[in-house]
Amino acid sequence: MDQEVRITLRLPADLHEWLASQAKSARRSLNSEILHRLEVGRGNHSADDQSPWRRLLFPCPAPQVSDSSPA
C-alpha cells in the first residue's frame, strides 16, 4: 500500500458541514469522502472501485450475477 501523509486542513464551517453531510449520505467517514472527491476530481471516475482503501477492505472482486434465467 502507498505511504500515507497526514495533513491539517482548514475548511470554512459551511463546507465542513456540507462534506460531513455528503459523507453520512454515502456511508463514508469524512476522511474517506474527501479522498473520494479528490480521486474523482483528478479524473479517476471509478474512484470507489480503484481506491487503495477499497482494495484493502474488499480484495476480491464482486461476483458476477447472470441476467439470464434458467430455462
PDB file of N, CA and C in Angstrom:
ATOM      1  N   MET A   1       0.847  -1.175   0.000  1.00  0.00           N
ATOM      2  CA  MET A   1       0.000   0.000   0.000  1.00  0.00           C
ATOM      3  C   MET A   1       0.888   1.233   0.000  1.00  0.00           C
ATOM      4  N   ASP A   2       0.391   2.289  -0.597  1.00  0.00           N
ATOM      5  CA  ASP A   2       1.125   3.543  -0.632  1.00  0.00           C
ATOM      6  C   ASP A   2       1.285   4.114   0.763  1.00  0.00           C
ATOM      7  N   GLN A   3       2.315   4.907   0.917  1.00  0.00           N
ATOM      8  CA  GLN A   3       2.500   5.589   2.194  1.00  0.00           C
ATOM      9  C   GLN A   3       1.422   6.639   2.391  1.00  0.00           C
ATOM     10  N   GLU A   4       1.107   6.890   3.616  1.00  0.00           N
ATOM     11  CA  GLU A   4       0.132   7.921   3.944  1.00  0.00           C
ATOM     12  C   GLU A   4       0.848   9.158   4.432  1.00  0.00           C
ATOM     13  N   VAL A   5       0.243  10.295   4.187  1.00  0.00           N
ATOM     14  CA  VAL A   5       0.732  11.580   4.673  1.00  0.00           C
ATOM     15  C   VAL A   5      -0.400  12.215   5.451  1.00  0.00           C
ATOM     16  N   ARG A   6      -0.103  12.667   6.631  1.00  0.00           N
ATOM     17  CA  ARG A   6      -1.112  13.317   7.471  1.00  0.00           C
ATOM     18  C   ARG A   6      -0.968  14.830   7.284  1.00  0.00           C
ATOM     19  N   ILE A   7      -2.105  15.500   7.079  1.00  0.00           N
ATOM     20  CA  ILE A   7      -2.089  16.958   6.941  1.00  0.00           C
ATOM     21  C   ILE A   7      -3.151  17.566   7.849  1.00  0.00           C
ATOM     22  N   THR A   8      -2.991  18.830   8.134  1.00  0.00           N
ATOM     23  CA  THR A   8      -4.019  19.598   8.817  1.00  0.00           C
ATOM     24  C   THR A   8      -4.669  20.475   7.760  1.00  0.00           C
ATOM     25  N   LEU A   9      -5.980  20.440   7.700  1.00  0.00           N
ATOM     26  CA  LEU A   9      -6.716  21.164   6.673  1.00  0.00           C
ATOM     27  C   LEU A   9      -7.716  22.102   7.332  1.00  0.00           C
ATOM     28  N   ARG A  10      -7.681  23.349   6.946  1.00  0.00           N
ATOM     29  CA  ARG A  10      -8.664  24.316   7.446  1.00  0.00           C
ATOM     30  C   ARG A  10      -9.753  24.486   6.397  1.00  0.00           C
ATOM     31  N   LEU A  11     -10.993  24.335   6.842  1.00  0.00           N
ATOM     32  CA  LEU A  11     -12.144  24.472   5.958  1.00  0.00           C
ATOM     33  C   LEU A  11     -13.117  25.476   6.531  1.00  0.00           C
ATOM     34  N   PRO A  12     -13.803  26.206   5.661  1.00  0.00           N
ATOM     35  CA  PRO A  12     -14.907  27.031   6.175  1.00  0.00           C
ATOM     36  C   PRO A  12     -15.948  26.111   6.807  1.00  0.00           C
ATOM     37  N   ALA A  13     -16.588  26.575   7.849  1.00  0.00           N
ATOM     38  CA  ALA A  13     -17.550  25.752   8.590  1.00  0.00           C
ATOM     39  C   ALA A  13     -18.660  25.216   7.694  1.00  0.00           C
ATOM     40  N   ASP A  14     -19.146  26.018   6.756  1.00  0.00           N
ATOM     41  CA  ASP A  14     -20.234  25.550   5.894  1.00  0.00           C
ATOM     42  C   ASP A  14     -19.771  24.440   4.957  1.00  0.00           C
ATOM     43  N   LEU A  15     -18.539  24.507   4.484  1.00  0.00           N
ATOM     44  CA  LEU A  15     -18.002  23.453   3.624  1.00  0.00           C
ATOM     45  C   LEU A  15     -17.810  22.165   4.432  1.00  0.00           C
ATOM     46  N   HIS A  16     -17.321  22.301   5.642  1.00  0.00           N
ATOM     47  CA  HIS A  16     -17.160  21.126   6.516  1.00  0.00           C
ATOM     48  C   HIS A  16     -18.512  20.465   6.775  1.00  0.00           C
ATOM     49  N   GLU A  17     -19.512  21.269   7.058  1.00  0.00           N
ATOM     50  CA  GLU A  17     -20.853  20.748   7.324  1.00  0.00           C
ATOM     51  C   GLU A  17     -21.404  20.025   6.100  1.00  0.00           C
ATOM     52  N   TRP A  18     -21.202  20.611   4.925  1.00  0.00           N
ATOM     53  CA  TRP A  18     -21.685  20.003   3.687  1.00  0.00           C
ATOM     54  C   TRP A  18     -20.962  18.682   3.420  1.00  0.00           C
ATOM     55  N   LEU A  19     -19.627  18.675   3.564  1.00  0.00           N
ATOM     56  CA  LEU A  19     -18.859  17.448   3.344  1.00  0.00           C
ATOM     57  C   LEU A  19     -19.274  16.355   4.333  1.00  0.00           C
ATOM     58  N   ALA A  20     -19.468  16.726   5.584  1.00  0.00           N
ATOM     59  CA  ALA A  20     -19.897  15.761   6.595  1.00  0.00           C
ATOM     60  C   ALA A  20     -21.263  15.176   6.231  1.00  0.00           C
ATOM     61  N   SER A  21     -22.156  16.005   5.734  1.00  0.00           N
ATOM     62  CA  SER A  21     -23.474  15.546   5.320  1.00  0.00           C
ATOM     63  C   SER A  21     -23.369  14.598   4.130  1.00  0.00           C
ATOM     64  N   GLN A  22     -22.528  14.939   3.160  1.00  0.00           N
ATOM     65  CA  GLN A  22     -22.329  14.081   1.993  1.00  0.00           C
ATOM     66  C   GLN A  22     -21.715  12.744   2.406  1.00  0.00           C
ATOM     67  N   ALA A  23     -20.770  12.784   3.323  1.00  0.00           N
ATOM     68  CA  ALA A  23     -20.132  11.562   3.817  1.00  0.00           C
ATOM     69  C   ALA A  23     -21.158  10.662   4.495  1.00  0.00           C
ATOM     70  N   LYS A  24     -21.999  11.256   5.305  1.00  0.00           N
ATOM     71  CA  LYS A  24     -23.024  10.470   6.006  1.00  0.00           C
ATOM     72  C   LYS A  24     -23.974   9.830   5.004  1.00  0.00           C
ATOM     73  N   SER A  25     -24.381  10.584   3.995  1.00  0.00           N
ATOM     74  CA  SER A  25     -25.288  10.055   2.969  1.00  0.00           C
ATOM     75  C   SER A  25     -24.654   8.884   2.215  1.00  0.00           C
ATOM     76  N   ALA A  26     -23.350   8.961   1.994  1.00  0.00           N
ATOM     77  CA  ALA A  26     -22.641   7.915   1.259  1.00  0.00           C
ATOM     78  C   ALA A  26     -22.121   6.814   2.177  1.00  0.00           C
ATOM     79  N   ARG A  27     -22.424   6.952   3.476  1.00  0.00           N
ATOM     80  CA  ARG A  27     -21.972   5.988   4.485  1.00  0.00           C
ATOM     81  C   ARG A  27     -20.454   5.845   4.479  1.00  0.00           C
ATOM     82  N   ARG A  28     -19.775   7.005   4.440  1.00  0.00           N
ATOM     83  CA  ARG A  28     -18.322   7.060   4.484  1.00  0.00           C
ATOM     84  C   ARG A  28     -17.906   7.950   5.633  1.00  0.00           C
ATOM     85  N   SER A  29     -16.667   7.806   6.065  1.00  0.00           N
ATOM     86  CA  SER A  29     -16.106   8.749   7.025  1.00  0.00           C
ATOM     87  C   SER A  29     -15.839  10.062   6.289  1.00  0.00           C
ATOM     88  N   LEU A  30     -15.667  11.117   7.037  1.00  0.00           N
ATOM     89  CA  LEU A  30     -15.342  12.404   6.423  1.00  0.00           C
ATOM     90  C   LEU A  30     -14.031  12.292   5.645  1.00  0.00           C
ATOM     91  N   ASN A  31     -13.048  11.621   6.227  1.00  0.00           N
ATOM     92  CA  ASN A  31     -11.769  11.439   5.542  1.00  0.00           C
ATOM     93  C   ASN A  31     -11.953  10.690   4.221  1.00  0.00           C
ATOM     94  N   SER A  32     -12.723   9.618   4.242  1.00  0.00           N
ATOM     95  CA  SER A  32     -12.961   8.842   3.024  1.00  0.00           C
ATOM     96  C   SER A  32     -13.714   9.656   1.976  1.00  0.00           C
ATOM     97  N   GLU A  33     -14.638  10.487   2.420  1.00  0.00           N
ATOM     98  CA  GLU A  33     -15.389  11.338   1.488  1.00  0.00           C
ATOM     99  C   GLU A  33     -14.453  12.326   0.797  1.00  0.00           C
ATOM    100  N   ILE A  34     -13.571  12.938   1.568  1.00  0.00           N
ATOM    101  CA  ILE A  34     -12.621  13.889   0.983  1.00  0.00           C
ATOM    102  C   ILE A  34     -11.701  13.173   0.002  1.00  0.00           C
ATOM    103  N   LEU A  35     -11.183  11.993   0.378  1.00  0.00           N
ATOM    104  CA  LEU A  35     -10.331  11.222  -0.527  1.00  0.00           C
ATOM    105  C   LEU A  35     -11.077  10.844  -1.796  1.00  0.00           C
ATOM    106  N   HIS A  36     -12.315  10.399  -1.643  1.00  0.00           N
ATOM    107  CA  HIS A  36     -13.137  10.028  -2.805  1.00  0.00           C
ATOM    108  C   HIS A  36     -13.284  11.213  -3.757  1.00  0.00           C
ATOM    109  N   ARG A  37     -13.616  12.363  -3.211  1.00  0.00           N
ATOM    110  CA  ARG A  37     -13.819  13.537  -4.057  1.00  0.00           C
ATOM    111  C   ARG A  37     -12.530  13.996  -4.722  1.00  0.00           C
ATOM    112  N   LEU A  38     -11.414  13.863  -4.038  1.00  0.00           N
ATOM    113  CA  LEU A  38     -10.122  14.207  -4.650  1.00  0.00           C
ATOM    114  C   LEU A  38      -9.783  13.238  -5.781  1.00  0.00           C
ATOM    115  N   GLU A  39     -10.028  11.947  -5.565  1.00  0.00           N
ATOM    116  CA  GLU A  39      -9.763  10.961  -6.607  1.00  0.00           C
ATOM    117  C   GLU A  39     -10.638  11.198  -7.826  1.00  0.00           C
ATOM    118  N   VAL A  40     -11.917  11.453  -7.612  1.00  0.00           N
ATOM    119  CA  VAL A  40     -12.820  11.731  -8.722  1.00  0.00           C
ATOM    120  C   VAL A  40     -12.400  13.032  -9.422  1.00  0.00           C
ATOM    121  N   GLY A  41     -12.032  14.019  -8.642  1.00  0.00           N
ATOM    122  CA  GLY A  41     -11.628  15.307  -9.199  1.00  0.00           C
ATOM    123  C   GLY A  41     -10.390  15.236 -10.070  1.00  0.00           C
ATOM    124  N   ARG A  42      -9.527  14.287  -9.798  1.00  0.00           N
ATOM    125  CA  ARG A  42      -8.327  14.173 -10.632  1.00  0.00           C
ATOM    126  C   ARG A  42      -8.558  13.259 -11.829  1.00  0.00           C
ATOM    127  N   GLY A  43      -9.816  12.898 -12.042  1.00  0.00           N
ATOM    128  CA  GLY A  43     -10.156  12.151 -13.240  1.00  0.00           C
ATOM    129  C   GLY A  43     -10.303  10.663 -13.027  1.00  0.00           C
ATOM    130  N   ASN A  44     -10.241  10.203 -11.809  1.00  0.00           N
ATOM    131  CA  ASN A  44     -10.422   8.781 -11.516  1.00  0.00           C
ATOM    132  C   ASN A  44     -11.903   8.552 -11.257  1.00  0.00           C
ATOM    133  N   HIS A  45     -12.686   8.427 -12.330  1.00  0.00           N
ATOM    134  CA  HIS A  45     -14.138   8.360 -12.193  1.00  0.00           C
ATOM    135  C   HIS A  45     -14.626   7.074 -11.544  1.00  0.00           C
ATOM    136  N   SER A  46     -13.779   6.065 -11.491  1.00  0.00           N
ATOM    137  CA  SER A  46     -14.168   4.832 -10.808  1.00  0.00           C
ATOM    138  C   SER A  46     -13.471   4.776  -9.455  1.00  0.00           C
ATOM    139  N   ALA A  47     -13.429   5.919  -8.772  1.00  0.00           N
ATOM    140  CA  ALA A  47     -12.695   6.042  -7.513  1.00  0.00           C
ATOM    141  C   ALA A  47     -13.128   5.007  -6.489  1.00  0.00           C
ATOM    142  N   ASP A  48     -14.405   4.682  -6.426  1.00  0.00           N
ATOM    143  CA  ASP A  48     -14.859   3.696  -5.445  1.00  0.00           C
ATOM    144  C   ASP A  48     -14.220   2.339  -5.693  1.00  0.00           C
ATOM    145  N   ASP A  49     -14.084   1.946  -6.964  1.00  0.00           N
ATOM    146  CA  ASP A  49     -13.510   0.650  -7.282  1.00  0.00           C
ATOM    147  C   ASP A  49     -11.992   0.658  -7.250  1.00  0.00           C
ATOM    148  N   GLN A  50     -11.372   1.791  -7.530  1.00  0.00           N
ATOM    149  CA  GLN A  50      -9.930   1.853  -7.664  1.00  0.00           C
ATOM    150  C   GLN A  50      -9.209   2.307  -6.401  1.00  0.00           C
ATOM    151  N   SER A  51      -9.924   2.780  -5.436  1.00  0.00           N
ATOM    152  CA  SER A  51      -9.305   3.274  -4.212  1.00  0.00           C
ATOM    153  C   SER A  51      -8.464   2.193  -3.553  1.00  0.00           C
ATOM    154  N   PRO A  52      -7.232   2.545  -3.135  1.00  0.00           N
ATOM    155  CA  PRO A  52      -6.424   1.544  -2.428  1.00  0.00           C
ATOM    156  C   PRO A  52      -7.110   1.078  -1.152  1.00  0.00           C
ATOM    157  N   TRP A  53      -7.903   1.930  -0.544  1.00  0.00           N
ATOM    158  CA  TRP A  53      -8.629   1.536   0.667  1.00  0.00           C
ATOM    159  C   TRP A  53      -9.677   0.490   0.328  1.00  0.00           C
ATOM    160  N   ARG A  54     -10.354   0.659  -0.776  1.00  0.00           N
ATOM    161  CA  ARG A  54     -11.372  -0.323  -1.177  1.00  0.00           C
ATOM    162  C   ARG A  54     -10.702  -1.655  -1.492  1.00  0.00           C
ATOM    163  N   ARG A  55      -9.559  -1.615  -2.180  1.00  0.00           N
ATOM    164  CA  ARG A  55      -8.856  -2.858  -2.499  1.00  0.00           C
ATOM    165  C   ARG A  55      -8.388  -3.548  -1.223  1.00  0.00           C
ATOM    166  N   LEU A  56      -8.031  -2.780  -0.206  1.00  0.00           N
ATOM    167  CA  LEU A  56      -7.597  -3.368   1.051  1.00  0.00           C
ATOM    168  C   LEU A  56      -8.768  -4.012   1.780  1.00  0.00           C
ATOM    169  N   LEU A  57      -9.897  -3.308   1.817  1.00  0.00           N
ATOM    170  CA  LEU A  57     -11.063  -3.798   2.549  1.00  0.00           C
ATOM    171  C   LEU A  57     -11.809  -4.900   1.798  1.00  0.00           C
ATOM    172  N   PHE A  58     -11.812  -4.825   0.466  1.00  0.00           N
ATOM    173  CA  PHE A  58     -12.536  -5.785  -0.360  1.00  0.00           C
ATOM    174  C   PHE A  58     -11.604  -6.315  -1.444  1.00  0.00           C
ATOM    175  N   PRO A  59     -10.635  -7.185  -1.092  1.00  0.00           N
ATOM    176  CA  PRO A  59      -9.628  -7.610  -2.048  1.00  0.00           C
ATOM    177  C   PRO A  59     -10.165  -8.463  -3.198  1.00  0.00           C
ATOM    178  N   CYS A  60     -11.285  -9.141  -3.018  1.00  0.00           N
ATOM    179  CA  CYS A  60     -11.831  -9.993  -4.067  1.00  0.00           C
ATOM    180  C   CYS A  60     -12.865  -9.215  -4.866  1.00  0.00           C
ATOM    181  N   PRO A  61     -12.863  -9.372  -6.181  1.00  0.00           N
ATOM    182  CA  PRO A  61     -13.890  -8.688  -6.973  1.00  0.00           C
ATOM    183  C   PRO A  61     -15.272  -9.237  -6.641  1.00  0.00           C
ATOM    184  N   ALA A  62     -16.261  -8.396  -6.821  1.00  0.00           N
ATOM    185  CA  ALA A  62     -17.641  -8.814  -6.561  1.00  0.00           C
ATOM    186  C   ALA A  62     -18.022  -9.910  -7.539  1.00  0.00           C
ATOM    187  N   PRO A  63     -18.769 -10.909  -7.092  1.00  0.00           N
ATOM    188  CA  PRO A  63     -19.175 -11.987  -8.004  1.00  0.00           C
ATOM    189  C   PRO A  63     -20.091 -11.448  -9.091  1.00  0.00           C
ATOM    190  N   GLN A  64     -19.949 -11.996 -10.281  1.00  0.00           N
ATOM    191  CA  GLN A  64     -20.781 -11.585 -11.405  1.00  0.00           C
ATOM    192  C   GLN A  64     -22.104 -12.324 -11.325  1.00  0.00           C
ATOM    193  N   VAL A  65     -23.196 -11.595 -11.523  1.00  0.00           N
ATOM    194  CA  VAL A  65     -24.532 -12.188 -11.470  1.00  0.00           C
ATOM    195  C   VAL A  65     -25.058 -12.271 -12.884  1.00  0.00           C
ATOM    196  N   SER A  66     -25.500 -13.434 -13.257  1.00  0.00           N
ATOM    197  CA  SER A  66     -26.021 -13.646 -14.605  1.00  0.00           C
ATOM    198  C   SER A  66     -27.434 -13.082 -14.704  1.00  0.00           C
ATOM    199  N   ASP A  67     -27.717 -12.423 -15.832  1.00  0.00           N
ATOM    200  CA  ASP A  67     -29.058 -11.869 -16.058  1.00  0.00           C
ATOM    201  C   ASP A  67     -30.005 -12.904 -16.638  1.00  0.00           C
ATOM    202  N   SER A  68     -29.470 -14.006 -17.137  1.00  0.00           N
ATOM    203  CA  SER A  68     -30.339 -14.993 -17.761  1.00  0.00           C
ATOM    204  C   SER A  68     -30.944 -15.920 -16.723  1.00  0.00           C
ATOM    205  N   SER A  69     -32.174 -16.252 -16.935  1.00  0.00           N
ATOM    206  CA  SER A  69     -32.894 -17.163 -16.038  1.00  0.00           C
ATOM    207  C   SER A  69     -32.770 -18.584 -16.572  1.00  0.00           C
ATOM    208  N   PRO A  70     -32.755 -19.568 -15.668  1.00  0.00           N
ATOM    209  CA  PRO A  70     -32.728 -20.955 -16.159  1.00  0.00           C
ATOM    210  C   PRO A  70     -33.987 -21.250 -16.964  1.00  0.00           C
ATOM    211  N   ALA A  71     -33.807 -21.963 -18.065  1.00  0.00           N
ATOM    212  CA  ALA A  71     -34.949 -22.256 -18.937  1.00  0.00           C
ATOM    213  C   ALA A  71     -35.679 -23.503 -18.541  1.00  0.00           C
TER     214      ALA A  71
END
